[in-house]
């Protein structure tokens, strides 16, 4: 992905083998615990490209190891990018659980938007009907 010009921010697996090449300075008020340039993999099987490893705490105090190929952004901005990405993931999870969209019938951006809007309207109407009738059914 890096060689083709794609950028990413993702969580690193807990069992990943990481070799630190360089540590970066962090501002005093940073939410990031550490910022390093790393190589991922064992001596026999490792990546060709160097990546950036950020250690941050989530809202519950759990340490997250974020991996990215963006060296041009500040560490706090990368942490915010991941937080925004996670919010999108949670929204899609909610959509899958509540809106019953099994597949998209159109392929254009407009048709996908329309299908999501219609599903949200139906969901809201169901909630309103449930509240009005004081129904226990979901």
N, C-alpha and C. Protein backbone atom coordinates (compact mmCIF):
# COMPACT_ATOMS: atom_id res chain seq x y z
N UNK A 1 0.82 -1.20 0.00
CA UNK A 1 0.00 0.00 0.00
C UNK A 1 0.87 1.27 0.00
N UNK A 2 1.91 1.24 0.79
CA UNK A 2 2.79 2.41 0.87
C UNK A 2 3.45 2.68 -0.48
N UNK A 3 3.92 1.63 -1.14
CA UNK A 3 4.58 1.79 -2.43
C UNK A 3 3.65 2.36 -3.49
N UNK A 4 2.34 2.09 -3.35
CA UNK A 4 1.36 2.58 -4.32
C UNK A 4 0.78 3.93 -3.94
N UNK A 5 1.26 4.53 -2.85
CA UNK A 5 0.84 5.88 -2.48
C UNK A 5 -0.38 5.95 -1.58
N UNK A 6 -0.81 4.83 -1.00
CA UNK A 6 -1.96 4.83 -0.10
C UNK A 6 -1.49 5.11 1.32
N UNK A 7 -2.32 5.82 2.08
CA UNK A 7 -2.03 6.10 3.47
C UNK A 7 -3.03 5.37 4.34
N UNK A 8 -2.61 4.99 5.54
CA UNK A 8 -3.51 4.28 6.44
C UNK A 8 -3.14 4.59 7.89
N UNK A 9 -4.13 4.38 8.76
CA UNK A 9 -3.95 4.40 10.21
C UNK A 9 -4.76 3.22 10.72
N UNK A 10 -4.11 2.32 11.43
CA UNK A 10 -4.77 1.12 11.90
C UNK A 10 -4.18 0.69 13.23
N UNK A 11 -4.84 -0.26 13.89
CA UNK A 11 -4.28 -0.82 15.11
C UNK A 11 -3.32 -1.94 14.77
N UNK A 12 -2.26 -2.03 15.54
CA UNK A 12 -1.27 -3.08 15.36
C UNK A 12 -1.68 -4.28 16.19
N UNK A 13 -1.53 -5.47 15.64
CA UNK A 13 -1.85 -6.69 16.37
C UNK A 13 -0.97 -6.80 17.61
N UNK A 14 -1.52 -7.41 18.66
CA UNK A 14 -0.78 -7.54 19.93
C UNK A 14 0.46 -8.40 19.79
N UNK A 15 0.42 -9.39 18.90
CA UNK A 15 1.55 -10.31 18.78
C UNK A 15 2.54 -9.91 17.68
N UNK A 16 2.42 -8.70 17.17
CA UNK A 16 3.32 -8.24 16.10
C UNK A 16 4.74 -8.06 16.64
N UNK A 17 5.71 -8.45 15.82
CA UNK A 17 7.12 -8.27 16.17
C UNK A 17 7.56 -6.92 15.62
N UNK A 18 8.01 -6.06 16.53
CA UNK A 18 8.33 -4.68 16.17
C UNK A 18 9.77 -4.37 16.58
N UNK A 19 10.51 -3.75 15.66
CA UNK A 19 11.88 -3.30 15.94
C UNK A 19 11.93 -1.79 15.79
N UNK A 20 12.26 -1.11 16.87
CA UNK A 20 12.31 0.35 16.87
C UNK A 20 13.58 0.85 16.18
N UNK A 21 13.40 1.83 15.29
CA UNK A 21 14.53 2.44 14.60
C UNK A 21 14.88 3.81 15.18
N UNK A 22 13.82 4.55 15.57
CA UNK A 22 14.03 5.93 16.00
C UNK A 22 12.82 6.37 16.82
N UNK A 23 13.05 7.15 17.86
CA UNK A 23 11.96 7.74 18.64
C UNK A 23 11.82 9.21 18.28
N UNK A 24 10.57 9.67 18.23
CA UNK A 24 10.29 11.07 17.91
C UNK A 24 9.92 11.82 19.19
N UNK A 25 10.25 13.11 19.22
CA UNK A 25 9.89 13.97 20.35
C UNK A 25 8.39 14.23 20.33
N UNK A 26 7.80 14.33 21.52
CA UNK A 26 6.38 14.63 21.66
C UNK A 26 6.22 15.96 22.38
N UNK A 27 5.19 16.75 22.00
CA UNK A 27 4.93 17.98 22.74
C UNK A 27 4.53 17.66 24.19
N UNK A 28 4.69 18.62 25.08
CA UNK A 28 4.40 18.40 26.50
C UNK A 28 2.95 18.02 26.76
N UNK A 29 2.00 18.64 26.08
CA UNK A 29 0.58 18.40 26.33
C UNK A 29 -0.01 17.34 25.40
N UNK A 30 0.80 16.45 24.89
CA UNK A 30 0.34 15.44 23.93
C UNK A 30 -0.42 14.33 24.63
N UNK A 31 -1.44 13.81 23.95
CA UNK A 31 -2.19 12.64 24.45
C UNK A 31 -1.51 11.35 24.05
N UNK A 32 -0.48 11.45 23.21
CA UNK A 32 0.25 10.27 22.73
C UNK A 32 1.34 9.94 23.73
N UNK A 33 1.49 8.64 24.07
CA UNK A 33 2.50 8.22 25.03
C UNK A 33 3.87 8.05 24.38
N UNK A 34 3.91 7.49 23.17
CA UNK A 34 5.19 7.36 22.47
C UNK A 34 4.96 7.40 20.97
N UNK A 35 6.01 7.78 20.26
CA UNK A 35 5.97 7.94 18.81
C UNK A 35 7.31 7.45 18.27
N UNK A 36 7.28 6.36 17.48
CA UNK A 36 8.52 5.74 17.00
C UNK A 36 8.44 5.38 15.53
N UNK A 37 9.60 5.34 14.89
CA UNK A 37 9.72 4.75 13.55
C UNK A 37 10.13 3.30 13.78
N UNK A 38 9.39 2.37 13.14
CA UNK A 38 9.63 0.95 13.39
C UNK A 38 9.66 0.15 12.10
N UNK A 39 10.23 -1.04 12.19
CA UNK A 39 10.14 -2.07 11.17
C UNK A 39 9.32 -3.20 11.78
N UNK A 40 8.43 -3.77 11.02
CA UNK A 40 7.57 -4.84 11.53
C UNK A 40 8.02 -6.17 10.94
N UNK A 41 8.13 -7.17 11.79
CA UNK A 41 8.47 -8.51 11.34
C UNK A 41 9.73 -9.06 11.97
N UNK A 42 9.99 -10.33 11.71
CA UNK A 42 11.17 -11.00 12.24
C UNK A 42 12.34 -10.78 11.30
N UNK A 43 13.50 -11.25 11.69
CA UNK A 43 14.68 -11.10 10.83
C UNK A 43 14.50 -11.81 9.49
N UNK A 44 13.81 -12.96 9.51
CA UNK A 44 13.59 -13.72 8.28
C UNK A 44 12.46 -13.16 7.42
N UNK A 45 11.49 -12.54 8.05
CA UNK A 45 10.30 -12.08 7.33
C UNK A 45 9.87 -10.72 7.89
N UNK A 46 10.38 -9.64 7.30
CA UNK A 46 10.02 -8.31 7.78
C UNK A 46 9.62 -7.42 6.62
N UNK A 47 8.94 -6.34 6.95
CA UNK A 47 8.49 -5.40 5.93
C UNK A 47 9.67 -4.64 5.35
N UNK A 48 9.50 -4.20 4.13
CA UNK A 48 10.54 -3.40 3.48
C UNK A 48 10.48 -1.95 3.91
N UNK A 49 9.28 -1.48 4.22
CA UNK A 49 9.07 -0.07 4.56
C UNK A 49 9.07 0.12 6.07
N UNK A 50 9.50 1.30 6.48
CA UNK A 50 9.41 1.68 7.89
C UNK A 50 8.02 2.28 8.12
N UNK A 51 7.51 2.09 9.32
CA UNK A 51 6.21 2.62 9.70
C UNK A 51 6.35 3.44 10.96
N UNK A 52 5.29 4.09 11.31
CA UNK A 52 5.25 4.92 12.51
C UNK A 52 4.34 4.24 13.52
N UNK A 53 4.83 3.99 14.72
CA UNK A 53 4.07 3.35 15.78
C UNK A 53 3.78 4.37 16.86
N UNK A 54 2.50 4.59 17.12
CA UNK A 54 2.06 5.51 18.17
C UNK A 54 1.39 4.71 19.28
N UNK A 55 1.72 5.01 20.50
CA UNK A 55 1.05 4.39 21.64
C UNK A 55 0.18 5.47 22.29
N UNK A 56 -1.12 5.21 22.31
CA UNK A 56 -2.08 6.17 22.86
C UNK A 56 -3.02 5.44 23.81
N UNK A 57 -3.67 6.19 24.69
CA UNK A 57 -4.67 5.62 25.59
C UNK A 57 -6.06 5.94 25.05
N UNK A 58 -6.95 4.94 25.06
CA UNK A 58 -8.32 5.20 24.65
C UNK A 58 -9.10 5.77 25.83
N UNK A 59 -10.40 5.98 25.67
CA UNK A 59 -11.22 6.61 26.70
C UNK A 59 -11.32 5.76 27.97
N UNK A 60 -11.07 4.46 27.86
CA UNK A 60 -11.14 3.56 29.02
C UNK A 60 -9.78 3.38 29.68
N UNK A 61 -8.74 3.99 29.13
CA UNK A 61 -7.41 3.87 29.69
C UNK A 61 -6.60 2.72 29.14
N UNK A 62 -7.12 2.04 28.13
CA UNK A 62 -6.42 0.93 27.50
C UNK A 62 -5.43 1.48 26.47
N UNK A 63 -4.22 0.93 26.46
CA UNK A 63 -3.22 1.38 25.49
C UNK A 63 -3.50 0.79 24.12
N UNK A 64 -3.51 1.65 23.12
CA UNK A 64 -3.68 1.24 21.73
C UNK A 64 -2.37 1.47 21.00
N UNK A 65 -1.95 0.50 20.21
CA UNK A 65 -0.77 0.64 19.37
C UNK A 65 -1.25 0.92 17.95
N UNK A 66 -1.06 2.14 17.50
CA UNK A 66 -1.50 2.55 16.18
C UNK A 66 -0.32 2.53 15.22
N UNK A 67 -0.55 2.01 14.05
CA UNK A 67 0.49 1.93 13.01
C UNK A 67 0.04 2.76 11.81
N UNK A 68 0.95 3.51 11.24
CA UNK A 68 0.63 4.33 10.08
C UNK A 68 1.87 4.48 9.20
N UNK A 69 1.62 4.92 7.98
CA UNK A 69 2.75 5.24 7.10
C UNK A 69 2.83 6.75 6.87
N UNK A 70 2.15 7.52 7.71
CA UNK A 70 2.18 8.99 7.62
C UNK A 70 3.22 9.53 8.59
N UNK A 71 4.31 10.06 8.07
CA UNK A 71 5.33 10.67 8.89
C UNK A 71 5.23 12.20 8.85
N UNK A 72 4.35 12.72 7.99
CA UNK A 72 4.24 14.17 7.80
C UNK A 72 3.25 14.84 8.75
N UNK A 73 2.47 14.07 9.51
CA UNK A 73 1.46 14.63 10.40
C UNK A 73 1.93 14.57 11.84
N UNK A 74 1.46 15.51 12.67
CA UNK A 74 1.78 15.44 14.11
C UNK A 74 1.13 14.19 14.73
N UNK A 75 1.73 13.69 15.79
CA UNK A 75 1.25 12.47 16.45
C UNK A 75 -0.19 12.63 16.95
N UNK A 76 -0.52 13.78 17.52
CA UNK A 76 -1.88 14.00 18.02
C UNK A 76 -2.91 13.96 16.90
N UNK A 77 -2.55 14.45 15.73
CA UNK A 77 -3.47 14.43 14.59
C UNK A 77 -3.72 13.00 14.11
N UNK A 78 -2.70 12.17 14.13
CA UNK A 78 -2.87 10.76 13.74
C UNK A 78 -3.77 10.06 14.74
N UNK A 79 -3.60 10.36 16.03
CA UNK A 79 -4.47 9.76 17.05
C UNK A 79 -5.92 10.20 16.82
N UNK A 80 -6.14 11.45 16.45
CA UNK A 80 -7.49 11.93 16.16
C UNK A 80 -8.06 11.27 14.90
N UNK A 81 -7.21 11.03 13.90
CA UNK A 81 -7.66 10.33 12.69
C UNK A 81 -8.19 8.94 13.05
N UNK A 82 -7.46 8.24 13.92
CA UNK A 82 -7.90 6.91 14.31
C UNK A 82 -9.20 6.98 15.11
N UNK A 83 -9.31 7.99 15.98
CA UNK A 83 -10.53 8.15 16.77
C UNK A 83 -11.72 8.39 15.85
N UNK A 84 -11.53 9.20 14.81
CA UNK A 84 -12.59 9.45 13.83
C UNK A 84 -12.93 8.19 13.06
N UNK A 85 -11.89 7.44 12.68
CA UNK A 85 -12.12 6.18 11.97
C UNK A 85 -12.93 5.22 12.85
N UNK A 86 -12.61 5.16 14.13
CA UNK A 86 -13.31 4.25 15.04
C UNK A 86 -14.77 4.67 15.18
N UNK A 87 -15.06 5.97 15.19
CA UNK A 87 -16.44 6.44 15.26
C UNK A 87 -17.22 5.99 14.03
N UNK A 88 -16.57 6.01 12.87
CA UNK A 88 -17.22 5.54 11.64
C UNK A 88 -17.49 4.04 11.73
N UNK A 89 -16.53 3.28 12.26
CA UNK A 89 -16.71 1.83 12.44
C UNK A 89 -17.91 1.55 13.35
N UNK A 90 -18.02 2.31 14.44
CA UNK A 90 -19.14 2.12 15.36
C UNK A 90 -20.47 2.47 14.70
N UNK A 91 -20.47 3.52 13.86
CA UNK A 91 -21.69 3.88 13.14
C UNK A 91 -22.11 2.76 12.20
N UNK A 92 -21.15 2.16 11.47
CA UNK A 92 -21.49 1.06 10.57
C UNK A 92 -21.98 -0.15 11.36
N UNK A 93 -21.40 -0.40 12.52
CA UNK A 93 -21.88 -1.50 13.36
C UNK A 93 -23.33 -1.25 13.78
N UNK A 94 -23.62 -0.02 14.19
CA UNK A 94 -24.99 0.34 14.58
C UNK A 94 -25.93 0.17 13.39
N UNK A 95 -25.49 0.63 12.21
CA UNK A 95 -26.33 0.47 11.01
C UNK A 95 -26.64 -0.99 10.75
N UNK A 96 -25.62 -1.85 10.83
CA UNK A 96 -25.83 -3.27 10.58
C UNK A 96 -26.79 -3.89 11.58
N UNK A 97 -26.74 -3.44 12.83
CA UNK A 97 -27.59 -4.02 13.86
C UNK A 97 -29.01 -3.50 13.83
N UNK A 98 -29.22 -2.25 13.41
CA UNK A 98 -30.54 -1.63 13.54
C UNK A 98 -31.26 -1.35 12.23
N UNK A 99 -30.53 -1.11 11.16
CA UNK A 99 -31.20 -0.68 9.93
C UNK A 99 -31.51 -1.82 8.97
N UNK A 100 -31.00 -2.99 9.23
CA UNK A 100 -31.27 -4.17 8.39
C UNK A 100 -30.96 -3.93 6.92
N UNK A 101 -29.86 -3.28 6.65
CA UNK A 101 -29.41 -3.12 5.27
C UNK A 101 -28.48 -4.30 4.98
N UNK A 102 -28.99 -5.24 4.23
CA UNK A 102 -28.20 -6.44 3.92
C UNK A 102 -27.30 -6.22 2.71
N UNK A 103 -27.77 -5.46 1.76
CA UNK A 103 -26.96 -5.12 0.59
C UNK A 103 -27.44 -3.81 0.02
N UNK A 104 -26.59 -3.15 -0.73
CA UNK A 104 -26.97 -1.91 -1.39
C UNK A 104 -27.45 -2.24 -2.79
N UNK A 105 -28.61 -1.70 -3.15
CA UNK A 105 -29.22 -2.02 -4.44
C UNK A 105 -28.66 -1.18 -5.58
N UNK A 106 -28.11 -0.03 -5.25
CA UNK A 106 -27.47 0.81 -6.27
C UNK A 106 -25.99 0.92 -5.98
N UNK A 107 -25.25 1.43 -6.94
CA UNK A 107 -23.82 1.54 -6.75
C UNK A 107 -23.33 2.98 -6.72
N UNK A 108 -24.20 3.91 -7.07
CA UNK A 108 -23.78 5.31 -7.04
C UNK A 108 -23.88 5.85 -5.61
N UNK A 109 -23.17 6.93 -5.38
CA UNK A 109 -23.18 7.55 -4.06
C UNK A 109 -24.60 7.99 -3.69
N UNK A 110 -25.31 8.54 -4.64
CA UNK A 110 -26.67 9.01 -4.39
C UNK A 110 -27.61 7.87 -4.01
N UNK A 111 -27.52 6.74 -4.70
CA UNK A 111 -28.42 5.63 -4.39
C UNK A 111 -28.11 5.02 -3.02
N UNK A 112 -26.83 4.97 -2.64
CA UNK A 112 -26.47 4.46 -1.31
C UNK A 112 -27.00 5.42 -0.24
N UNK A 113 -26.82 6.73 -0.45
CA UNK A 113 -27.35 7.71 0.49
C UNK A 113 -28.85 7.56 0.64
N UNK A 114 -29.56 7.45 -0.48
CA UNK A 114 -31.02 7.33 -0.44
C UNK A 114 -31.46 6.08 0.33
N UNK A 115 -30.78 4.97 0.10
CA UNK A 115 -31.14 3.74 0.79
C UNK A 115 -30.90 3.87 2.31
N UNK A 116 -29.79 4.48 2.69
CA UNK A 116 -29.50 4.67 4.12
C UNK A 116 -30.53 5.63 4.73
N UNK A 117 -30.85 6.73 4.04
CA UNK A 117 -31.84 7.68 4.55
C UNK A 117 -33.19 7.00 4.74
N UNK A 118 -33.62 6.21 3.75
CA UNK A 118 -34.90 5.52 3.87
C UNK A 118 -34.90 4.53 5.03
N UNK A 119 -33.82 3.80 5.20
CA UNK A 119 -33.73 2.85 6.31
C UNK A 119 -33.77 3.59 7.65
N UNK A 120 -33.12 4.76 7.73
CA UNK A 120 -33.14 5.53 8.98
C UNK A 120 -34.54 6.08 9.27
N UNK A 121 -35.24 6.51 8.22
CA UNK A 121 -36.60 7.01 8.39
C UNK A 121 -37.50 5.88 8.90
N UNK A 122 -37.39 4.71 8.31
CA UNK A 122 -38.19 3.56 8.75
C UNK A 122 -37.86 3.22 10.19
N UNK A 123 -36.58 3.24 10.56
CA UNK A 123 -36.18 2.94 11.93
C UNK A 123 -36.80 3.96 12.89
N UNK A 124 -36.71 5.25 12.56
CA UNK A 124 -37.27 6.29 13.42
C UNK A 124 -38.79 6.16 13.54
N UNK A 125 -39.47 5.85 12.46
CA UNK A 125 -40.92 5.64 12.51
C UNK A 125 -41.25 4.46 13.41
N UNK A 126 -40.47 3.41 13.34
CA UNK A 126 -40.69 2.25 14.21
C UNK A 126 -40.50 2.63 15.68
N UNK A 127 -39.48 3.41 15.98
CA UNK A 127 -39.24 3.84 17.37
C UNK A 127 -40.39 4.71 17.85
N UNK A 128 -40.84 5.64 16.99
CA UNK A 128 -41.97 6.50 17.37
C UNK A 128 -43.23 5.68 17.61
N UNK A 129 -43.51 4.71 16.75
CA UNK A 129 -44.69 3.85 16.93
C UNK A 129 -44.56 3.04 18.21
N UNK A 130 -43.37 2.56 18.51
CA UNK A 130 -43.14 1.79 19.73
C UNK A 130 -43.37 2.66 20.96
N UNK A 131 -42.91 3.92 20.92
CA UNK A 131 -43.11 4.83 22.05
C UNK A 131 -44.57 5.19 22.23
N UNK A 132 -45.26 5.43 21.13
CA UNK A 132 -46.68 5.82 21.21
C UNK A 132 -47.55 4.69 21.73
N UNK A 133 -47.26 3.49 21.33
CA UNK A 133 -48.09 2.34 21.74
C UNK A 133 -47.57 1.71 23.02
N UNK A 134 -46.46 2.21 23.56
CA UNK A 134 -45.83 1.67 24.75
C UNK A 134 -45.58 0.16 24.62
N UNK A 135 -45.23 -0.20 23.42
CA UNK A 135 -44.96 -1.62 23.13
C UNK A 135 -43.63 -2.05 23.70
N UNK A 136 -43.56 -3.28 24.15
CA UNK A 136 -42.31 -3.85 24.67
C UNK A 136 -41.51 -4.53 23.55
N UNK A 137 -42.13 -4.72 22.40
CA UNK A 137 -41.46 -5.39 21.27
C UNK A 137 -40.38 -4.50 20.70
N UNK A 138 -39.34 -5.13 20.21
CA UNK A 138 -38.26 -4.36 19.59
C UNK A 138 -38.45 -4.34 18.09
